[in-house]
Amino acid sequence: MRIFLKKFGNILTSRQAGKEALAAFEPNLRALTADESIEIDFDGVGSLTPSWADEFLIPIFQRYPERVKFLPTDNSSVKETFALLEDIHKIRLS
């Protein structure tokens, strides 16, 4: 399964928006097969804030740590958000 984050907007901000995006996407996660991987695609995302990512990406990563793959991106806001969340949660995302 590939999750195209641009589906949720070009600018992904706020905890509330991240929670709502995850709630809307939840049926897709429940439909995952046991061996299906999850690819997170940042193409088309202009800005990603730590608060949005903490509510959408971190719960998915925590539920499926071995199955989540974050696709490469040159987006500096994504890279900085990852660095911050890795430090806060003491995890490795990329």
PDB file of N, CA and C in Angstrom:
ATOM      1  N   MET A   1       0.843  -1.169   0.000  1.00  0.00           N
ATOM      2  CA  MET A   1       0.000   0.000   0.000  1.00  0.00           C
ATOM      3  C   MET A   1       0.890   1.235   0.000  1.00  0.00           C
ATOM      4  N   ARG A   2       0.548   2.166  -0.836  1.00  0.00           N
ATOM      5  CA  ARG A   2       1.261   3.446  -0.854  1.00  0.00           C
ATOM      6  C   ARG A   2       0.309   4.538  -0.388  1.00  0.00           C
ATOM      7  N   ILE A   3       0.785   5.315   0.594  1.00  0.00           N
ATOM      8  CA  ILE A   3      -0.004   6.434   1.097  1.00  0.00           C
ATOM      9  C   ILE A   3       0.565   7.710   0.495  1.00  0.00           C
ATOM     10  N   PHE A   4      -0.206   8.346  -0.357  1.00  0.00           N
ATOM     11  CA  PHE A   4       0.181   9.613  -0.966  1.00  0.00           C
ATOM     12  C   PHE A   4      -0.289  10.736  -0.047  1.00  0.00           C
ATOM     13  N   LEU A   5       0.649  11.331   0.681  1.00  0.00           N
ATOM     14  CA  LEU A   5       0.273  12.346   1.663  1.00  0.00           C
ATOM     15  C   LEU A   5      -0.344  13.584   1.034  1.00  0.00           C
ATOM     16  N   LYS A   6      -0.037  13.849  -0.245  1.00  0.00           N
ATOM     17  CA  LYS A   6      -0.631  15.022  -0.899  1.00  0.00           C
ATOM     18  C   LYS A   6      -2.153  14.915  -0.962  1.00  0.00           C
ATOM     19  N   LYS A   7      -2.649  13.704  -0.798  1.00  0.00           N
ATOM     20  CA  LYS A   7      -4.092  13.481  -0.747  1.00  0.00           C
ATOM     21  C   LYS A   7      -4.731  14.261   0.416  1.00  0.00           C
ATOM     22  N   PHE A   8      -3.931  14.516   1.447  1.00  0.00           N
ATOM     23  CA  PHE A   8      -4.431  15.236   2.622  1.00  0.00           C
ATOM     24  C   PHE A   8      -4.125  16.727   2.555  1.00  0.00           C
ATOM     25  N   GLY A   9      -3.453  17.153   1.486  1.00  0.00           N
ATOM     26  CA  GLY A   9      -3.148  18.563   1.297  1.00  0.00           C
ATOM     27  C   GLY A   9      -1.685  18.808   1.007  1.00  0.00           C
ATOM     28  N   ASN A  10      -1.397  20.009   0.551  1.00  0.00           N
ATOM     29  CA  ASN A  10      -0.025  20.409   0.235  1.00  0.00           C
ATOM     30  C   ASN A  10       0.713  20.856   1.482  1.00  0.00           C
ATOM     31  N   ILE A  11      -0.009  21.451   2.402  1.00  0.00           N
ATOM     32  CA  ILE A  11       0.563  21.938   3.652  1.00  0.00           C
ATOM     33  C   ILE A  11      -0.108  21.180   4.787  1.00  0.00           C
ATOM     34  N   LEU A  12       0.671  20.310   5.437  1.00  0.00           N
ATOM     35  CA  LEU A  12       0.136  19.436   6.470  1.00  0.00           C
ATOM     36  C   LEU A  12       0.531  19.980   7.836  1.00  0.00           C
ATOM     37  N   THR A  13      -0.429  20.621   8.487  1.00  0.00           N
ATOM     38  CA  THR A  13      -0.170  21.264   9.769  1.00  0.00           C
ATOM     39  C   THR A  13      -1.248  20.917  10.776  1.00  0.00           C
ATOM     40  N   SER A  14      -0.939  21.054  12.000  1.00  0.00           N
ATOM     41  CA  SER A  14      -1.798  20.956  13.186  1.00  0.00           C
ATOM     42  C   SER A  14      -2.074  19.519  13.611  1.00  0.00           C
ATOM     43  N   ARG A  15      -2.115  19.350  14.902  1.00  0.00           N
ATOM     44  CA  ARG A  15      -2.429  18.047  15.488  1.00  0.00           C
ATOM     45  C   ARG A  15      -3.835  17.602  15.096  1.00  0.00           C
ATOM     46  N   GLN A  16      -4.766  18.517  15.146  1.00  0.00           N
ATOM     47  CA  GLN A  16      -6.151  18.172  14.829  1.00  0.00           C
ATOM     48  C   GLN A  16      -6.274  17.657  13.395  1.00  0.00           C
ATOM     49  N   ALA A  17      -5.625  18.327  12.460  1.00  0.00           N
ATOM     50  CA  ALA A  17      -5.681  17.891  11.061  1.00  0.00           C
ATOM     51  C   ALA A  17      -5.035  16.517  10.895  1.00  0.00           C
ATOM     52  N   GLY A  18      -3.942  16.266  11.596  1.00  0.00           N
ATOM     53  CA  GLY A  18      -3.288  14.956  11.545  1.00  0.00           C
ATOM     54  C   GLY A  18      -4.177  13.860  12.109  1.00  0.00           C
ATOM     55  N   LYS A  19      -4.845  14.145  13.219  1.00  0.00           N
ATOM     56  CA  LYS A  19      -5.768  13.173  13.821  1.00  0.00           C
ATOM     57  C   LYS A  19      -6.921  12.867  12.876  1.00  0.00           C
ATOM     58  N   GLU A  20      -7.458  13.915  12.255  1.00  0.00           N
ATOM     59  CA  GLU A  20      -8.577  13.728  11.327  1.00  0.00           C
ATOM     60  C   GLU A  20      -8.146  12.929  10.100  1.00  0.00           C
ATOM     61  N   ALA A  21      -6.944  13.196   9.608  1.00  0.00           N
ATOM     62  CA  ALA A  21      -6.434  12.448   8.451  1.00  0.00           C
ATOM     63  C   ALA A  21      -6.277  10.979   8.799  1.00  0.00           C
ATOM     64  N   LEU A  22      -5.737  10.684   9.971  1.00  0.00           N
ATOM     65  CA  LEU A  22      -5.577   9.292  10.382  1.00  0.00           C
ATOM     66  C   LEU A  22      -6.934   8.614  10.549  1.00  0.00           C
ATOM     67  N   ALA A  23      -7.877   9.285  11.151  1.00  0.00           N
ATOM     68  CA  ALA A  23      -9.217   8.716  11.320  1.00  0.00           C
ATOM     69  C   ALA A  23      -9.859   8.411   9.966  1.00  0.00           C
ATOM     70  N   ALA A  24      -9.667   9.306   9.006  1.00  0.00           N
ATOM     71  CA  ALA A  24     -10.230   9.091   7.671  1.00  0.00           C
ATOM     72  C   ALA A  24      -9.532   7.937   6.945  1.00  0.00           C
ATOM     73  N   PHE A  25      -8.243   7.741   7.240  1.00  0.00           N
ATOM     74  CA  PHE A  25      -7.471   6.706   6.546  1.00  0.00           C
ATOM     75  C   PHE A  25      -7.554   5.341   7.231  1.00  0.00           C
ATOM     76  N   GLU A  26      -8.021   5.313   8.439  1.00  0.00           N
ATOM     77  CA  GLU A  26      -8.061   4.093   9.249  1.00  0.00           C
ATOM     78  C   GLU A  26      -8.688   2.884   8.543  1.00  0.00           C
ATOM     79  N   PRO A  27      -9.799   3.018   7.799  1.00  0.00           N
ATOM     80  CA  PRO A  27     -10.356   1.846   7.106  1.00  0.00           C
ATOM     81  C   PRO A  27      -9.361   1.201   6.140  1.00  0.00           C
ATOM     82  N   ASN A  28      -8.517   2.004   5.511  1.00  0.00           N
ATOM     83  CA  ASN A  28      -7.502   1.455   4.610  1.00  0.00           C
ATOM     84  C   ASN A  28      -6.475   0.631   5.380  1.00  0.00           C
ATOM     85  N   LEU A  29      -6.106   1.086   6.561  1.00  0.00           N
ATOM     86  CA  LEU A  29      -5.143   0.342   7.376  1.00  0.00           C
ATOM     87  C   LEU A  29      -5.733  -0.978   7.850  1.00  0.00           C
ATOM     88  N   ARG A  30      -6.996  -0.975   8.188  1.00  0.00           N
ATOM     89  CA  ARG A  30      -7.646  -2.212   8.626  1.00  0.00           C
ATOM     90  C   ARG A  30      -7.728  -3.238   7.497  1.00  0.00           C
ATOM     91  N   ALA A  31      -7.682  -2.767   6.256  1.00  0.00           N
ATOM     92  CA  ALA A  31      -7.768  -3.665   5.102  1.00  0.00           C
ATOM     93  C   ALA A  31      -6.411  -4.231   4.676  1.00  0.00           C
ATOM     94  N   LEU A  32      -5.343  -3.846   5.367  1.00  0.00           N
ATOM     95  CA  LEU A  32      -4.008  -4.361   5.025  1.00  0.00           C
ATOM     96  C   LEU A  32      -3.955  -5.874   5.159  1.00  0.00           C
ATOM     97  N   THR A  33      -3.270  -6.509   4.225  1.00  0.00           N
ATOM     98  CA  THR A  33      -3.030  -7.941   4.370  1.00  0.00           C
ATOM     99  C   THR A  33      -1.827  -8.133   5.290  1.00  0.00           C
ATOM    100  N   ALA A  34      -1.650  -9.330   5.794  1.00  0.00           N
ATOM    101  CA  ALA A  34      -0.600  -9.615   6.778  1.00  0.00           C
ATOM    102  C   ALA A  34       0.810  -9.361   6.256  1.00  0.00           C
ATOM    103  N   ASP A  35       1.011  -9.495   4.959  1.00  0.00           N
ATOM    104  CA  ASP A  35       2.363  -9.329   4.405  1.00  0.00           C
ATOM    105  C   ASP A  35       2.539  -8.029   3.607  1.00  0.00           C
ATOM    106  N   GLU A  36       1.552  -7.171   3.631  1.00  0.00           N
ATOM    107  CA  GLU A  36       1.587  -5.942   2.841  1.00  0.00           C
ATOM    108  C   GLU A  36       2.417  -4.857   3.538  1.00  0.00           C
ATOM    109  N   SER A  37       3.288  -4.226   2.753  1.00  0.00           N
ATOM    110  CA  SER A  37       4.086  -3.124   3.290  1.00  0.00           C
ATOM    111  C   SER A  37       3.329  -1.806   3.104  1.00  0.00           C
ATOM    112  N   ILE A  38       3.818  -0.785   3.808  1.00  0.00           N
ATOM    113  CA  ILE A  38       3.216   0.542   3.735  1.00  0.00           C
ATOM    114  C   ILE A  38       4.296   1.516   3.294  1.00  0.00           C
ATOM    115  N   GLU A  39       4.106   2.138   2.145  1.00  0.00           N
ATOM    116  CA  GLU A  39       5.037   3.141   1.651  1.00  0.00           C
ATOM    117  C   GLU A  39       4.404   4.516   1.816  1.00  0.00           C
ATOM    118  N   ILE A  40       5.158   5.416   2.445  1.00  0.00           N
ATOM    119  CA  ILE A  40       4.684   6.782   2.655  1.00  0.00           C
ATOM    120  C   ILE A  40       5.349   7.672   1.614  1.00  0.00           C
ATOM    121  N   ASP A  41       4.549   8.303   0.772  1.00  0.00           N
ATOM    122  CA  ASP A  41       5.032   9.111  -0.344  1.00  0.00           C
ATOM    123  C   ASP A  41       4.808  10.596  -0.057  1.00  0.00           C
ATOM    124  N   PHE A  42       5.907  11.372  -0.061  1.00  0.00           N
ATOM    125  CA  PHE A  42       5.851  12.807   0.246  1.00  0.00           C
ATOM    126  C   PHE A  42       5.778  13.688  -0.996  1.00  0.00           C
ATOM    127  N   ASP A  43       5.741  13.075  -2.161  1.00  0.00           N
ATOM    128  CA  ASP A  43       5.689  13.850  -3.404  1.00  0.00           C
ATOM    129  C   ASP A  43       4.456  14.755  -3.394  1.00  0.00           C
ATOM    130  N   GLY A  44       4.657  16.025  -3.699  1.00  0.00           N
ATOM    131  CA  GLY A  44       3.553  16.974  -3.745  1.00  0.00           C
ATOM    132  C   GLY A  44       3.264  17.666  -2.428  1.00  0.00           C
ATOM    133  N   VAL A  45       3.972  17.272  -1.364  1.00  0.00           N
ATOM    134  CA  VAL A  45       3.789  17.926  -0.059  1.00  0.00           C
ATOM    135  C   VAL A  45       4.752  19.104   0.014  1.00  0.00           C
ATOM    136  N   GLY A  46       4.235  20.281   0.265  1.00  0.00           N
ATOM    137  CA  GLY A  46       5.069  21.476   0.370  1.00  0.00           C
ATOM    138  C   GLY A  46       5.643  21.650   1.754  1.00  0.00           C
ATOM    139  N   SER A  47       4.826  21.358   2.770  1.00  0.00           N
ATOM    140  CA  SER A  47       5.261  21.554   4.155  1.00  0.00           C
ATOM    141  C   SER A  47       4.631  20.490   5.044  1.00  0.00           C
ATOM    142  N   LEU A  48       5.458  19.927   5.914  1.00  0.00           N
ATOM    143  CA  LEU A  48       5.000  18.926   6.880  1.00  0.00           C
ATOM    144  C   LEU A  48       5.470  19.361   8.259  1.00  0.00           C
ATOM    145  N   THR A  49       4.532  19.562   9.171  1.00  0.00           N
ATOM    146  CA  THR A  49       4.913  19.993  10.511  1.00  0.00           C
ATOM    147  C   THR A  49       5.011  18.795  11.457  1.00  0.00           C
ATOM    148  N   PRO A  50       5.825  18.933  12.497  1.00  0.00           N
ATOM    149  CA  PRO A  50       5.941  17.856  13.479  1.00  0.00           C
ATOM    150  C   PRO A  50       4.604  17.488  14.124  1.00  0.00           C
ATOM    151  N   SER A  51       3.746  18.460  14.358  1.00  0.00           N
ATOM    152  CA  SER A  51       2.469  18.152  15.010  1.00  0.00           C
ATOM    153  C   SER A  51       1.592  17.259  14.128  1.00  0.00           C
ATOM    154  N   TRP A  52       1.505  17.555  12.840  1.00  0.00           N
ATOM    155  CA  TRP A  52       0.702  16.732  11.934  1.00  0.00           C
ATOM    156  C   TRP A  52       1.305  15.329  11.836  1.00  0.00           C
ATOM    157  N   ALA A  53       2.610  15.268  11.626  1.00  0.00           N
ATOM    158  CA  ALA A  53       3.292  13.982  11.490  1.00  0.00           C
ATOM    159  C   ALA A  53       3.181  13.152  12.765  1.00  0.00           C
ATOM    160  N   ASP A  54       3.209  13.811  13.918  1.00  0.00           N
ATOM    161  CA  ASP A  54       3.114  13.104  15.198  1.00  0.00           C
ATOM    162  C   ASP A  54       1.754  12.447  15.364  1.00  0.00           C
ATOM    163  N   GLU A  55       0.743  13.001  14.770  1.00  0.00           N
ATOM    164  CA  GLU A  55      -0.608  12.451  14.879  1.00  0.00           C
ATOM    165  C   GLU A  55      -0.954  11.462  13.769  1.00  0.00           C
ATOM    166  N   PHE A  56      -0.290  11.568  12.621  1.00  0.00           N
ATOM    167  CA  PHE A  56      -0.604  10.676  11.500  1.00  0.00           C
ATOM    168  C   PHE A  56       0.475   9.621  11.294  1.00  0.00           C
ATOM    169  N   LEU A  57       1.712  10.046  11.111  1.00  0.00           N
ATOM    170  CA  LEU A  57       2.789   9.110  10.768  1.00  0.00           C
ATOM    171  C   LEU A  57       3.251   8.257  11.946  1.00  0.00           C
ATOM    172  N   ILE A  58       3.414   8.869  13.100  1.00  0.00           N
ATOM    173  CA  ILE A  58       3.943   8.126  14.246  1.00  0.00           C
ATOM    174  C   ILE A  58       3.023   6.972  14.660  1.00  0.00           C
ATOM    175  N   PRO A  59       1.709   7.167  14.759  1.00  0.00           N
ATOM    176  CA  PRO A  59       0.863   6.012  15.108  1.00  0.00           C
ATOM    177  C   PRO A  59       0.954   4.875  14.092  1.00  0.00           C
ATOM    178  N   ILE A  60       1.030   5.200  12.823  1.00  0.00           N
ATOM    179  CA  ILE A  60       1.166   4.153  11.800  1.00  0.00           C
ATOM    180  C   ILE A  60       2.495   3.439  11.966  1.00  0.00           C
ATOM    181  N   PHE A  61       3.560   4.212  12.155  1.00  0.00           N
ATOM    182  CA  PHE A  61       4.888   3.625  12.335  1.00  0.00           C
ATOM    183  C   PHE A  61       4.933   2.749  13.595  1.00  0.00           C
ATOM    184  N   GLN A  62       4.311   3.191  14.660  1.00  0.00           N
ATOM    185  CA  GLN A  62       4.334   2.420  15.903  1.00  0.00           C
ATOM    186  C   GLN A  62       3.531   1.126  15.784  1.00  0.00           C
ATOM    187  N   ARG A  63       2.474   1.128  14.999  1.00  0.00           N
ATOM    188  CA  ARG A  63       1.672  -0.086  14.802  1.00  0.00           C
ATOM    189  C   ARG A  63       2.334  -1.080  13.863  1.00  0.00           C
ATOM    190  N   TYR A  64       3.034  -0.539  12.857  1.00  0.00           N
ATOM    191  CA  TYR A  64       3.618  -1.391  11.816  1.00  0.00           C
ATOM    192  C   TYR A  64       5.098  -1.061  11.602  1.00  0.00           C
ATOM    193  N   PRO A  65       5.931  -1.104  12.625  1.00  0.00           N
ATOM    194  CA  PRO A  65       7.317  -0.626  12.496  1.00  0.00           C
ATOM    195  C   PRO A  65       8.146  -1.361  11.436  1.00  0.00           C
ATOM    196  N   GLU A  66       7.889  -2.622  11.255  1.00  0.00           N
ATOM    197  CA  GLU A  66       8.665  -3.407  10.286  1.00  0.00           C
ATOM    198  C   GLU A  66       8.116  -3.276   8.863  1.00  0.00           C
ATOM    199  N   ARG A  67       6.944  -2.705   8.731  1.00  0.00           N
ATOM    200  CA  ARG A  67       6.290  -2.670   7.424  1.00  0.00           C
ATOM    201  C   ARG A  67       6.281  -1.291   6.782  1.00  0.00           C
ATOM    202  N   VAL A  68       6.594  -0.246   7.549  1.00  0.00           N
ATOM    203  CA  VAL A  68       6.542   1.125   7.033  1.00  0.00           C
ATOM    204  C   VAL A  68       7.859   1.500   6.373  1.00  0.00           C
ATOM    205  N   LYS A  69       7.740   2.049   5.183  1.00  0.00           N
ATOM    206  CA  LYS A  69       8.906   2.579   4.468  1.00  0.00           C
ATOM    207  C   LYS A  69       8.564   4.008   4.046  1.00  0.00           C
ATOM    208  N   PHE A  70       9.410   4.948   4.451  1.00  0.00           N
ATOM    209  CA  PHE A  70       9.245   6.330   4.051  1.00  0.00           C
ATOM    210  C   PHE A  70      10.039   6.542   2.769  1.00  0.00           C
ATOM    211  N   LEU A  71       9.364   6.901   1.696  1.00  0.00           N
ATOM    212  CA  LEU A  71      10.042   7.077   0.416  1.00  0.00           C
ATOM    213  C   LEU A  71      10.943   8.309   0.463  1.00  0.00           C
ATOM    214  N   PRO A  72      12.060   8.263  -0.251  1.00  0.00           N
ATOM    215  CA  PRO A  72      13.016   9.383  -0.220  1.00  0.00           C
ATOM    216  C   PRO A  72      12.392  10.703  -0.671  1.00  0.00           C
ATOM    217  N   THR A  73      12.854  11.781  -0.043  1.00  0.00           N
ATOM    218  CA  THR A  73      12.385  13.120  -0.401  1.00  0.00           C
ATOM    219  C   THR A  73      13.500  14.119  -0.164  1.00  0.00           C
ATOM    220  N   ASP A  74      13.493  15.181  -0.947  1.00  0.00           N
ATOM    221  CA  ASP A  74      14.432  16.288  -0.752  1.00  0.00           C
ATOM    222  C   ASP A  74      13.778  17.430   0.020  1.00  0.00           C
ATOM    223  N   ASN A  75      12.541  17.253   0.433  1.00  0.00           N
ATOM    224  CA  ASN A  75      11.786  18.292   1.118  1.00  0.00           C
ATOM    225  C   ASN A  75      12.401  18.562   2.495  1.00  0.00           C
ATOM    226  N   SER A  76      12.878  19.783   2.684  1.00  0.00           N
ATOM    227  CA  SER A  76      13.552  20.119   3.943  1.00  0.00           C
ATOM    228  C   SER A  76      12.608  20.101   5.143  1.00  0.00           C
ATOM    229  N   SER A  77      11.341  20.428   4.957  1.00  0.00           N
ATOM    230  CA  SER A  77      10.423  20.392   6.101  1.00  0.00           C
ATOM    231  C   SER A  77      10.178  18.952   6.558  1.00  0.00           C
ATOM    232  N   VAL A  78      10.162  18.017   5.622  1.00  0.00           N
ATOM    233  CA  VAL A  78      10.010  16.600   5.980  1.00  0.00           C
ATOM    234  C   VAL A  78      11.254  16.136   6.726  1.00  0.00           C
ATOM    235  N   LYS A  79      12.414  16.476   6.219  1.00  0.00           N
ATOM    236  CA  LYS A  79      13.668  16.060   6.859  1.00  0.00           C
ATOM    237  C   LYS A  79      13.799  16.622   8.271  1.00  0.00           C
ATOM    238  N   GLU A  80      13.457  17.884   8.448  1.00  0.00           N
ATOM    239  CA  GLU A  80      13.541  18.500   9.775  1.00  0.00           C
ATOM    240  C   GLU A  80      12.499  17.919  10.724  1.00  0.00           C
ATOM    241  N   THR A  81      11.314  17.653  10.214  1.00  0.00           N
ATOM    242  CA  THR A  81      10.273  17.033  11.026  1.00  0.00           C
ATOM    243  C   THR A  81      10.708  15.647  11.484  1.00  0.00           C
ATOM    244  N   PHE A  82      11.291  14.869  10.588  1.00  0.00           N
ATOM    245  CA  PHE A  82      11.775  13.540  10.945  1.00  0.00           C
ATOM    246  C   PHE A  82      12.852  13.626  12.023  1.00  0.00           C
ATOM    247  N   ALA A  83      13.781  14.552  11.863  1.00  0.00           N
ATOM    248  CA  ALA A  83      14.858  14.700  12.846  1.00  0.00           C
ATOM    249  C   ALA A  83      14.284  15.003  14.233  1.00  0.00           C
ATOM    250  N   LEU A  84      13.316  15.896  14.281  1.00  0.00           N
ATOM    251  CA  LEU A  84      12.706  16.263  15.556  1.00  0.00           C
ATOM    252  C   LEU A  84      11.946  15.088  16.176  1.00  0.00           C
ATOM    253  N   LEU A  85      11.143  14.410  15.368  1.00  0.00           N
ATOM    254  CA  LEU A  85      10.354  13.293  15.890  1.00  0.00           C
ATOM    255  C   LEU A  85      11.229  12.114  16.303  1.00  0.00           C
ATOM    256  N   GLU A  86      12.315  11.882  15.576  1.00  0.00           N
ATOM    257  CA  GLU A  86      13.248  10.828  15.967  1.00  0.00           C
ATOM    258  C   GLU A  86      13.850  11.133  17.336  1.00  0.00           C
ATOM    259  N   ASP A  87      14.180  12.387  17.570  1.00  0.00           N
ATOM    260  CA  ASP A  87      14.742  12.797  18.848  1.00  0.00           C
ATOM    261  C   ASP A  87      13.717  12.685  19.971  1.00  0.00           C
ATOM    262  N   ILE A  88      12.511  13.135  19.728  1.00  0.00           N
ATOM    263  CA  ILE A  88      11.460  13.107  20.749  1.00  0.00           C
ATOM    264  C   ILE A  88      11.077  11.673  21.121  1.00  0.00           C
ATOM    265  N   HIS A  89      10.859  10.834  20.110  1.00  0.00           N
ATOM    266  CA  HIS A  89      10.363   9.475  20.335  1.00  0.00           C
ATOM    267  C   HIS A  89      11.483   8.439  20.483  1.00  0.00           C
ATOM    268  N   LYS A  90      12.716   8.866  20.265  1.00  0.00           N
ATOM    269  CA  LYS A  90      13.870   7.953  20.352  1.00  0.00           C
ATOM    270  C   LYS A  90      13.695   6.754  19.416  1.00  0.00           C
ATOM    271  N   ILE A  91      13.344   7.070  18.173  1.00  0.00           N
ATOM    272  CA  ILE A  91      13.143   6.067  17.140  1.00  0.00           C
ATOM    273  C   ILE A  91      13.906   6.489  15.893  1.00  0.00           C
ATOM    274  N   ARG A  92      14.027   5.583  14.951  1.00  0.00           N
ATOM    275  CA  ARG A  92      14.661   5.861  13.663  1.00  0.00           C
ATOM    276  C   ARG A  92      13.604   5.691  12.583  1.00  0.00           C
ATOM    277  N   LEU A  93      13.270   6.787  11.902  1.00  0.00           N
ATOM    278  CA  LEU A  93      12.240   6.764  10.873  1.00  0.00           C
ATOM    279  C   LEU A  93      12.793   6.540   9.474  1.00  0.00           C
ATOM    280  N   SER A  94      13.985   7.036   9.221  1.00  0.00           N
ATOM    281  CA  SER A  94      14.511   6.932   7.849  1.00  0.00           C
ATOM    282  C   SER A  94      15.735   6.065   7.777  1.00  0.00           C
TER     283      SER A  94
END
